[in-house]
Amino acid sequence: YRETEERRALKKRQEEYDNFAEMANMITSDLLTENPDQAISQFGPHRVVPDRWKGMNEDQLRRIREEQQHQIEEKKRRDEEEQRRRFHSSSRCCSSSSRRLKKQKNF
């Protein structure tokens, strides 16, 4: 009977130790703590491992937003330039047509 109690006590201590070790591993696990460094590829820091990637950090997001803002401003500038070009082209066409009409009236 005493041997059975000792085995149970040993089994219980081992189970408690295993549970403690599992909790410690969970607390420090890169996966569960979502450590972004785990996603860095062995092929270089500019590449990520897709199944471990946790998203972009604030600096990366800021740079993307700045680039998007730059693209918006560049598109606006190109659109305005295109609008000016069309306006000048259209005004040249109108003035040319107007001169032709005046010449026709004079004949």
Foldseek 3Di string as FASTA:
>chain_A
DVVVVVVVVVVVVVVVVVVVVVVVCCVPPCQNVLPQVVQQDPVGNVHGNVVSHDDDDPVVVVVVVVVVVVVVVVVVVVVVVVVVVVVVVVVVVVVVVVVVVVVVVVD
